[in-house]
N, C-alpha and C. Protein backbone atom coordinates (compact mmCIF):
# COMPACT_ATOMS: atom_id res chain seq x y z
N MET A 1 0.85 -1.18 0.00
CA MET A 1 0.00 0.00 0.00
C MET A 1 0.89 1.24 0.00
N LYS A 2 0.64 2.16 -0.91
CA LYS A 2 1.44 3.37 -1.00
C LYS A 2 0.72 4.51 -0.28
N LEU A 3 1.47 5.27 0.50
CA LEU A 3 0.93 6.46 1.16
C LEU A 3 1.11 7.65 0.24
N PRO A 4 0.15 8.57 0.22
CA PRO A 4 0.37 9.81 -0.52
C PRO A 4 1.59 10.53 0.06
N LEU A 5 2.21 11.35 -0.74
CA LEU A 5 3.42 12.05 -0.33
C LEU A 5 3.20 12.87 0.93
N ALA A 6 2.08 13.59 1.04
CA ALA A 6 1.82 14.43 2.22
C ALA A 6 1.69 13.57 3.47
N ALA A 7 1.03 12.43 3.38
CA ALA A 7 0.86 11.55 4.54
C ALA A 7 2.20 10.98 4.95
N ALA A 8 3.04 10.60 3.99
CA ALA A 8 4.37 10.07 4.30
C ALA A 8 5.22 11.14 4.98
N ALA A 9 5.15 12.36 4.49
CA ALA A 9 5.92 13.46 5.09
C ALA A 9 5.45 13.73 6.51
N LEU A 10 4.14 13.65 6.74
CA LEU A 10 3.59 13.88 8.08
C LEU A 10 4.07 12.79 9.03
N CYS A 11 4.06 11.56 8.60
CA CYS A 11 4.53 10.45 9.44
C CYS A 11 6.01 10.64 9.78
N PHE A 12 6.81 11.03 8.79
CA PHE A 12 8.24 11.24 9.00
C PHE A 12 8.47 12.42 9.94
N ALA A 13 7.69 13.50 9.77
CA ALA A 13 7.87 14.71 10.58
C ALA A 13 7.56 14.46 12.05
N THR A 14 6.65 13.54 12.33
CA THR A 14 6.31 13.27 13.73
C THR A 14 7.43 12.53 14.45
N LEU A 15 8.37 11.95 13.71
CA LEU A 15 9.49 11.24 14.32
C LEU A 15 10.65 12.17 14.65
N LEU A 16 10.66 13.35 14.08
CA LEU A 16 11.76 14.29 14.28
C LEU A 16 11.48 15.19 15.48
N PRO A 17 12.53 15.61 16.19
CA PRO A 17 12.32 16.55 17.29
C PRO A 17 11.93 17.93 16.75
N ALA A 18 11.20 18.68 17.57
CA ALA A 18 10.78 20.02 17.16
C ALA A 18 12.00 20.92 17.05
N ALA A 19 12.00 21.79 16.07
CA ALA A 19 13.10 22.73 15.88
C ALA A 19 12.56 24.14 15.95
N VAL A 20 13.31 25.01 16.57
CA VAL A 20 12.94 26.42 16.64
C VAL A 20 13.73 27.15 15.57
N LEU A 21 13.03 27.79 14.67
CA LEU A 21 13.68 28.52 13.60
C LEU A 21 13.72 30.00 13.94
N PRO A 22 14.86 30.65 13.79
CA PRO A 22 14.93 32.08 14.11
C PRO A 22 14.13 32.90 13.10
N ILE A 23 13.47 33.92 13.61
CA ILE A 23 12.72 34.83 12.75
C ILE A 23 13.31 36.22 12.95
N SER A 24 13.65 36.85 11.89
CA SER A 24 14.26 38.17 11.96
C SER A 24 13.25 39.19 12.47
N ALA A 25 13.69 40.02 13.42
CA ALA A 25 12.84 41.08 13.94
C ALA A 25 12.63 42.18 12.91
N GLU A 26 13.47 42.19 11.89
CA GLU A 26 13.38 43.20 10.85
C GLU A 26 12.44 42.81 9.73
N ARG A 27 11.80 41.67 9.83
CA ARG A 27 10.94 41.17 8.75
C ARG A 27 9.77 42.14 8.50
N SER A 28 9.49 42.39 7.24
CA SER A 28 8.40 43.27 6.85
C SER A 28 7.33 42.45 6.14
N PHE A 29 6.08 42.65 6.51
CA PHE A 29 5.00 41.88 5.91
C PHE A 29 4.20 42.66 4.89
N GLY A 30 4.49 43.94 4.71
CA GLY A 30 3.78 44.72 3.72
C GLY A 30 2.43 45.23 4.21
N PHE A 31 2.14 45.08 5.49
CA PHE A 31 0.91 45.62 6.06
C PHE A 31 1.17 45.96 7.52
N GLU A 32 0.29 46.78 8.09
CA GLU A 32 0.44 47.17 9.48
C GLU A 32 -0.48 46.36 10.37
N VAL A 33 0.00 45.99 11.52
CA VAL A 33 -0.82 45.31 12.51
C VAL A 33 -1.42 46.39 13.40
N ALA A 34 -2.76 46.43 13.48
CA ALA A 34 -3.42 47.49 14.23
C ALA A 34 -3.14 47.38 15.73
N GLN A 35 -3.26 46.20 16.26
CA GLN A 35 -2.99 45.99 17.67
C GLN A 35 -2.21 44.70 17.80
N SER A 36 -1.19 44.73 18.61
CA SER A 36 -0.39 43.52 18.77
C SER A 36 0.06 43.40 20.21
N ALA A 37 0.60 42.26 20.53
CA ALA A 37 1.10 42.03 21.87
C ALA A 37 2.39 42.79 22.13
N ALA A 38 3.00 43.34 21.07
CA ALA A 38 4.26 44.03 21.22
C ALA A 38 4.09 45.46 21.74
N GLU A 39 2.95 46.06 21.48
CA GLU A 39 2.71 47.44 21.89
C GLU A 39 1.54 47.53 22.83
N ALA A 40 1.70 48.30 23.89
CA ALA A 40 0.58 48.53 24.81
C ALA A 40 -0.46 49.39 24.11
N ILE A 41 -1.75 49.05 24.30
CA ILE A 41 -2.82 49.82 23.68
C ILE A 41 -3.35 50.89 24.63
N GLY A 42 -2.89 50.87 25.86
CA GLY A 42 -3.30 51.85 26.85
C GLY A 42 -2.51 51.65 28.12
N ARG A 43 -2.80 52.51 29.09
CA ARG A 43 -2.07 52.45 30.35
C ARG A 43 -2.95 52.97 31.47
N ILE A 44 -2.84 52.33 32.63
CA ILE A 44 -3.52 52.80 33.83
C ILE A 44 -2.46 53.11 34.88
N ASN A 45 -2.86 53.78 35.95
CA ASN A 45 -1.96 54.04 37.06
C ASN A 45 -1.94 52.80 37.95
N PRO A 46 -0.83 52.08 38.04
CA PRO A 46 -0.80 50.83 38.81
C PRO A 46 -0.93 51.03 40.31
N ASN A 47 -0.82 52.27 40.77
CA ASN A 47 -0.93 52.55 42.20
C ASN A 47 -2.35 52.88 42.64
N ARG A 48 -3.29 52.87 41.71
CA ARG A 48 -4.69 53.18 42.03
C ARG A 48 -5.58 51.99 41.69
N PRO A 49 -6.77 51.91 42.30
CA PRO A 49 -7.70 50.81 41.99
C PRO A 49 -8.12 50.81 40.52
N VAL A 50 -8.42 49.62 40.00
CA VAL A 50 -8.76 49.43 38.59
C VAL A 50 -10.18 48.90 38.47
N GLN A 51 -10.89 49.37 37.44
CA GLN A 51 -12.23 48.86 37.13
C GLN A 51 -12.26 48.49 35.66
N ILE A 52 -12.84 47.32 35.36
CA ILE A 52 -13.01 46.88 33.97
C ILE A 52 -14.50 46.78 33.69
N GLU A 53 -14.97 47.55 32.71
CA GLU A 53 -16.38 47.52 32.29
C GLU A 53 -16.44 46.77 30.96
N VAL A 54 -17.38 45.84 30.85
CA VAL A 54 -17.56 45.07 29.62
C VAL A 54 -18.96 45.33 29.10
N VAL A 55 -19.06 45.75 27.84
CA VAL A 55 -20.35 46.02 27.20
C VAL A 55 -20.48 45.08 26.01
N ASN A 56 -21.59 44.34 25.95
CA ASN A 56 -21.86 43.47 24.81
C ASN A 56 -22.68 44.25 23.79
N ALA A 57 -22.01 44.73 22.74
CA ALA A 57 -22.68 45.52 21.70
C ALA A 57 -23.15 44.65 20.54
N GLY A 58 -22.99 43.33 20.65
CA GLY A 58 -23.39 42.42 19.58
C GLY A 58 -24.77 41.83 19.81
N ASP A 59 -25.15 40.91 18.93
CA ASP A 59 -26.45 40.25 19.02
C ASP A 59 -26.36 38.84 19.61
N ALA A 60 -25.18 38.42 20.01
CA ALA A 60 -25.00 37.08 20.58
C ALA A 60 -24.51 37.21 22.02
N PRO A 61 -24.96 36.33 22.90
CA PRO A 61 -24.46 36.37 24.28
C PRO A 61 -22.97 36.02 24.32
N ILE A 62 -22.26 36.62 25.27
CA ILE A 62 -20.84 36.32 25.46
C ILE A 62 -20.61 35.91 26.91
N THR A 63 -19.52 35.23 27.13
CA THR A 63 -19.09 34.88 28.48
C THR A 63 -17.74 35.55 28.70
N CYS A 64 -17.57 36.15 29.87
CA CYS A 64 -16.30 36.77 30.18
C CYS A 64 -15.92 36.44 31.62
N MET A 65 -14.63 36.55 31.88
CA MET A 65 -14.13 36.25 33.22
C MET A 65 -12.71 36.77 33.36
N LEU A 66 -12.26 36.83 34.59
CA LEU A 66 -10.87 37.12 34.88
C LEU A 66 -10.20 35.79 35.17
N THR A 67 -9.07 35.55 34.52
CA THR A 67 -8.32 34.34 34.83
C THR A 67 -7.25 34.62 35.86
N GLN A 68 -6.92 35.90 36.04
CA GLN A 68 -6.01 36.33 37.10
C GLN A 68 -6.37 37.75 37.47
N PRO A 69 -6.79 38.07 38.66
CA PRO A 69 -7.17 37.12 39.70
C PRO A 69 -8.41 36.35 39.24
N ALA A 70 -8.53 35.12 39.67
CA ALA A 70 -9.61 34.25 39.20
C ALA A 70 -10.98 34.78 39.61
N SER A 71 -11.93 34.69 38.68
CA SER A 71 -13.32 35.08 38.97
C SER A 71 -14.24 34.04 38.34
N ALA A 72 -15.49 34.08 38.73
CA ALA A 72 -16.49 33.21 38.11
C ALA A 72 -16.79 33.73 36.70
N GLU A 73 -17.24 32.82 35.82
CA GLU A 73 -17.66 33.24 34.49
C GLU A 73 -18.91 34.09 34.60
N ARG A 74 -19.00 35.11 33.76
CA ARG A 74 -20.18 35.96 33.73
C ARG A 74 -20.75 35.94 32.31
N ARG A 75 -22.01 35.61 32.21
CA ARG A 75 -22.69 35.61 30.91
C ARG A 75 -23.29 36.99 30.71
N VAL A 76 -22.99 37.60 29.57
CA VAL A 76 -23.47 38.95 29.27
C VAL A 76 -24.38 38.86 28.04
N PRO A 77 -25.68 39.14 28.21
CA PRO A 77 -26.60 39.07 27.07
C PRO A 77 -26.37 40.22 26.10
N PRO A 78 -26.91 40.14 24.88
CA PRO A 78 -26.80 41.26 23.95
C PRO A 78 -27.33 42.54 24.58
N GLY A 79 -26.57 43.60 24.46
CA GLY A 79 -26.96 44.88 25.05
C GLY A 79 -26.66 44.99 26.53
N GLY A 80 -26.16 43.92 27.14
CA GLY A 80 -25.89 43.92 28.57
C GLY A 80 -24.47 44.38 28.88
N LYS A 81 -24.21 44.52 30.17
CA LYS A 81 -22.86 44.88 30.60
C LYS A 81 -22.58 44.28 31.97
N THR A 82 -21.31 44.19 32.29
CA THR A 82 -20.86 43.72 33.60
C THR A 82 -19.59 44.47 33.97
N THR A 83 -19.28 44.48 35.25
CA THR A 83 -18.13 45.22 35.74
C THR A 83 -17.30 44.34 36.67
N PHE A 84 -16.01 44.43 36.51
CA PHE A 84 -15.06 43.78 37.42
C PHE A 84 -14.31 44.87 38.16
N GLY A 85 -14.26 44.80 39.47
CA GLY A 85 -13.50 45.76 40.26
C GLY A 85 -14.22 47.07 40.46
N SER A 86 -13.52 47.99 41.10
CA SER A 86 -14.07 49.30 41.44
C SER A 86 -12.92 50.28 41.53
N THR A 87 -13.19 51.53 41.23
CA THR A 87 -12.15 52.56 41.36
C THR A 87 -12.08 53.08 42.79
N ARG A 88 -12.91 52.52 43.68
CA ARG A 88 -12.91 52.97 45.08
C ARG A 88 -12.13 52.03 46.02
N THR A 89 -11.95 50.78 45.60
CA THR A 89 -11.22 49.81 46.44
C THR A 89 -10.20 49.07 45.59
N ASN A 90 -9.19 48.52 46.22
CA ASN A 90 -8.17 47.74 45.51
C ASN A 90 -8.60 46.29 45.39
N TYR A 91 -9.75 46.06 44.79
CA TYR A 91 -10.30 44.71 44.65
C TYR A 91 -9.50 43.88 43.65
N LEU A 92 -8.98 44.50 42.60
CA LEU A 92 -8.27 43.77 41.55
C LEU A 92 -6.77 44.03 41.63
N PRO A 93 -6.00 43.06 42.12
CA PRO A 93 -4.54 43.24 42.13
C PRO A 93 -3.97 43.00 40.73
N LEU A 94 -2.90 43.70 40.43
CA LEU A 94 -2.22 43.51 39.15
C LEU A 94 -1.25 42.35 39.27
N PRO A 95 -0.97 41.61 38.22
CA PRO A 95 -1.50 41.74 36.87
C PRO A 95 -2.91 41.17 36.76
N ILE A 96 -3.63 41.64 35.74
CA ILE A 96 -5.01 41.21 35.49
C ILE A 96 -5.05 40.57 34.10
N ASN A 97 -5.70 39.42 34.01
CA ASN A 97 -5.91 38.75 32.72
C ASN A 97 -7.42 38.58 32.53
N PHE A 98 -7.94 39.15 31.44
CA PHE A 98 -9.36 39.12 31.12
C PHE A 98 -9.57 38.26 29.88
N LEU A 99 -10.65 37.48 29.85
CA LEU A 99 -10.96 36.63 28.71
C LEU A 99 -12.44 36.75 28.38
N ALA A 100 -12.78 36.88 27.09
CA ALA A 100 -14.18 36.91 26.64
C ALA A 100 -14.31 36.02 25.41
N TYR A 101 -15.45 35.32 25.32
CA TYR A 101 -15.69 34.46 24.16
C TYR A 101 -17.20 34.35 23.94
N PRO A 102 -17.62 34.07 22.69
CA PRO A 102 -19.05 33.96 22.38
C PRO A 102 -19.61 32.64 22.92
N ASP A 103 -20.91 32.64 23.21
CA ASP A 103 -21.58 31.43 23.71
C ASP A 103 -22.01 30.51 22.58
N ARG A 104 -21.93 30.97 21.34
CA ARG A 104 -22.38 30.16 20.20
C ARG A 104 -21.21 29.88 19.26
N ASP A 105 -21.36 28.83 18.47
CA ASP A 105 -20.34 28.49 17.47
C ASP A 105 -20.44 29.43 16.27
N ASN A 106 -19.35 29.49 15.52
CA ASN A 106 -19.26 30.28 14.28
C ASN A 106 -19.52 31.77 14.49
N ILE A 107 -19.20 32.25 15.67
CA ILE A 107 -19.29 33.69 15.95
C ILE A 107 -17.89 34.15 16.37
N GLY A 108 -17.38 35.11 15.64
CA GLY A 108 -16.14 35.75 16.04
C GLY A 108 -16.50 37.00 16.81
N ILE A 109 -15.59 37.51 17.58
CA ILE A 109 -15.88 38.75 18.30
C ILE A 109 -14.77 39.75 18.05
N SER A 110 -15.16 41.00 18.08
CA SER A 110 -14.22 42.10 17.93
C SER A 110 -14.33 42.97 19.17
N SER A 111 -13.34 43.80 19.39
CA SER A 111 -13.38 44.62 20.59
C SER A 111 -12.84 46.01 20.33
N TYR A 112 -13.35 46.94 21.10
CA TYR A 112 -12.86 48.31 21.16
C TYR A 112 -12.54 48.56 22.62
N VAL A 113 -11.35 49.04 22.89
CA VAL A 113 -10.92 49.26 24.27
C VAL A 113 -10.70 50.75 24.47
N PHE A 114 -11.32 51.27 25.53
CA PHE A 114 -11.19 52.68 25.89
C PHE A 114 -10.65 52.74 27.32
N VAL A 115 -9.70 53.63 27.56
CA VAL A 115 -9.13 53.79 28.89
C VAL A 115 -9.33 55.23 29.31
N GLU A 116 -10.00 55.41 30.44
CA GLU A 116 -10.19 56.75 30.99
C GLU A 116 -9.85 56.68 32.47
N GLY A 117 -8.72 57.30 32.84
CA GLY A 117 -8.24 57.17 34.21
C GLY A 117 -7.88 55.71 34.45
N ASN A 118 -8.46 55.12 35.49
CA ASN A 118 -8.22 53.71 35.77
C ASN A 118 -9.42 52.84 35.46
N VAL A 119 -10.28 53.33 34.56
CA VAL A 119 -11.42 52.55 34.08
C VAL A 119 -11.09 52.07 32.66
N VAL A 120 -11.11 50.75 32.48
CA VAL A 120 -10.87 50.15 31.17
C VAL A 120 -12.23 49.66 30.68
N LYS A 121 -12.71 50.23 29.57
CA LYS A 121 -14.01 49.85 29.01
C LYS A 121 -13.76 49.03 27.75
N ILE A 122 -14.35 47.82 27.73
CA ILE A 122 -14.20 46.92 26.59
C ILE A 122 -15.58 46.76 25.95
N VAL A 123 -15.73 47.25 24.73
CA VAL A 123 -16.98 47.11 23.99
C VAL A 123 -16.78 45.96 23.00
N ILE A 124 -17.60 44.92 23.15
CA ILE A 124 -17.43 43.71 22.35
C ILE A 124 -18.57 43.58 21.35
N GLY A 125 -18.19 43.40 20.08
CA GLY A 125 -19.16 43.18 19.01
C GLY A 125 -18.98 41.78 18.46
N GLU A 126 -19.80 41.42 17.50
CA GLU A 126 -19.70 40.09 16.91
C GLU A 126 -19.49 40.20 15.42
N GLN A 127 -18.96 39.13 14.86
CA GLN A 127 -18.80 39.04 13.42
C GLN A 127 -18.92 37.58 13.03
N ILE A 128 -19.51 37.32 11.88
CA ILE A 128 -19.66 35.95 11.41
C ILE A 128 -18.28 35.40 11.09
N SER A 129 -18.04 34.18 11.51
CA SER A 129 -16.72 33.59 11.34
C SER A 129 -16.86 32.08 11.17
N GLN A 130 -15.88 31.47 10.55
CA GLN A 130 -15.87 30.02 10.41
C GLN A 130 -15.58 29.33 11.74
N ILE A 131 -14.84 30.03 12.60
CA ILE A 131 -14.50 29.48 13.91
C ILE A 131 -14.82 30.51 14.98
N SER A 132 -15.09 30.04 16.16
CA SER A 132 -15.35 30.95 17.27
C SER A 132 -14.06 31.66 17.65
N GLY A 133 -14.20 32.90 18.05
CA GLY A 133 -13.03 33.68 18.45
C GLY A 133 -13.12 34.07 19.90
N ASP A 134 -12.04 34.59 20.43
CA ASP A 134 -12.06 35.09 21.79
C ASP A 134 -11.17 36.31 21.89
N ILE A 135 -11.26 36.97 23.02
CA ILE A 135 -10.47 38.17 23.28
C ILE A 135 -9.76 37.97 24.60
N SER A 136 -8.49 38.30 24.63
CA SER A 136 -7.72 38.26 25.86
C SER A 136 -7.10 39.63 26.05
N LEU A 137 -7.31 40.20 27.23
CA LEU A 137 -6.74 41.51 27.55
C LEU A 137 -5.94 41.35 28.83
N ASN A 138 -4.74 41.86 28.84
CA ASN A 138 -3.87 41.77 30.01
C ASN A 138 -3.47 43.16 30.47
N ILE A 139 -3.49 43.36 31.78
CA ILE A 139 -2.98 44.59 32.38
C ILE A 139 -1.79 44.17 33.23
N ASN A 140 -0.61 44.60 32.84
CA ASN A 140 0.62 44.22 33.53
C ASN A 140 0.80 44.98 34.83
N GLU A 141 1.78 44.56 35.62
CA GLU A 141 2.03 45.19 36.92
C GLU A 141 2.44 46.65 36.79
N ASP A 142 2.98 47.05 35.64
CA ASP A 142 3.36 48.45 35.44
C ASP A 142 2.20 49.29 34.90
N GLY A 143 1.01 48.67 34.71
CA GLY A 143 -0.18 49.39 34.24
C GLY A 143 -0.38 49.36 32.74
N SER A 144 0.54 48.78 31.99
CA SER A 144 0.37 48.72 30.54
C SER A 144 -0.67 47.67 30.17
N ILE A 145 -1.46 47.98 29.12
CA ILE A 145 -2.59 47.14 28.70
C ILE A 145 -2.28 46.56 27.33
N PHE A 146 -2.46 45.25 27.21
CA PHE A 146 -2.21 44.55 25.95
C PHE A 146 -3.45 43.77 25.55
N LEU A 147 -3.74 43.76 24.25
CA LEU A 147 -4.88 43.04 23.71
C LEU A 147 -4.37 41.94 22.79
N PHE A 148 -4.90 40.73 22.98
CA PHE A 148 -4.50 39.58 22.15
C PHE A 148 -5.70 39.04 21.43
């Protein structure tokens, strides 16, 4: 029995150890990345309390939660909102990791992030997609905010 070339290559590749190939930092792709993990999209004062407001501007329910510090999942219906933390108390210690994802399949989500003082507002919309998408937002100990 003969294996197709791709299947034979896959079988052979699984026997080899993984290799890390260097990628030049100077590489140009011919387009700009609007938001990346390399650049902070905003900043808060790390010495003051932080509040995260989440608004579901789409037509599909979403689930969001903090993975650090850990919180329960919160389901946000279309047009709904939820809040993590308060600007009056130090309820949320840094670093903070936020995660949001749609409750249905084949729904991608997009986000707009606004920072005013120590309030981070995340407006989440939806878009039709072949695969479900999610949003991860991190606030580092120095107050810098990254969106993934």
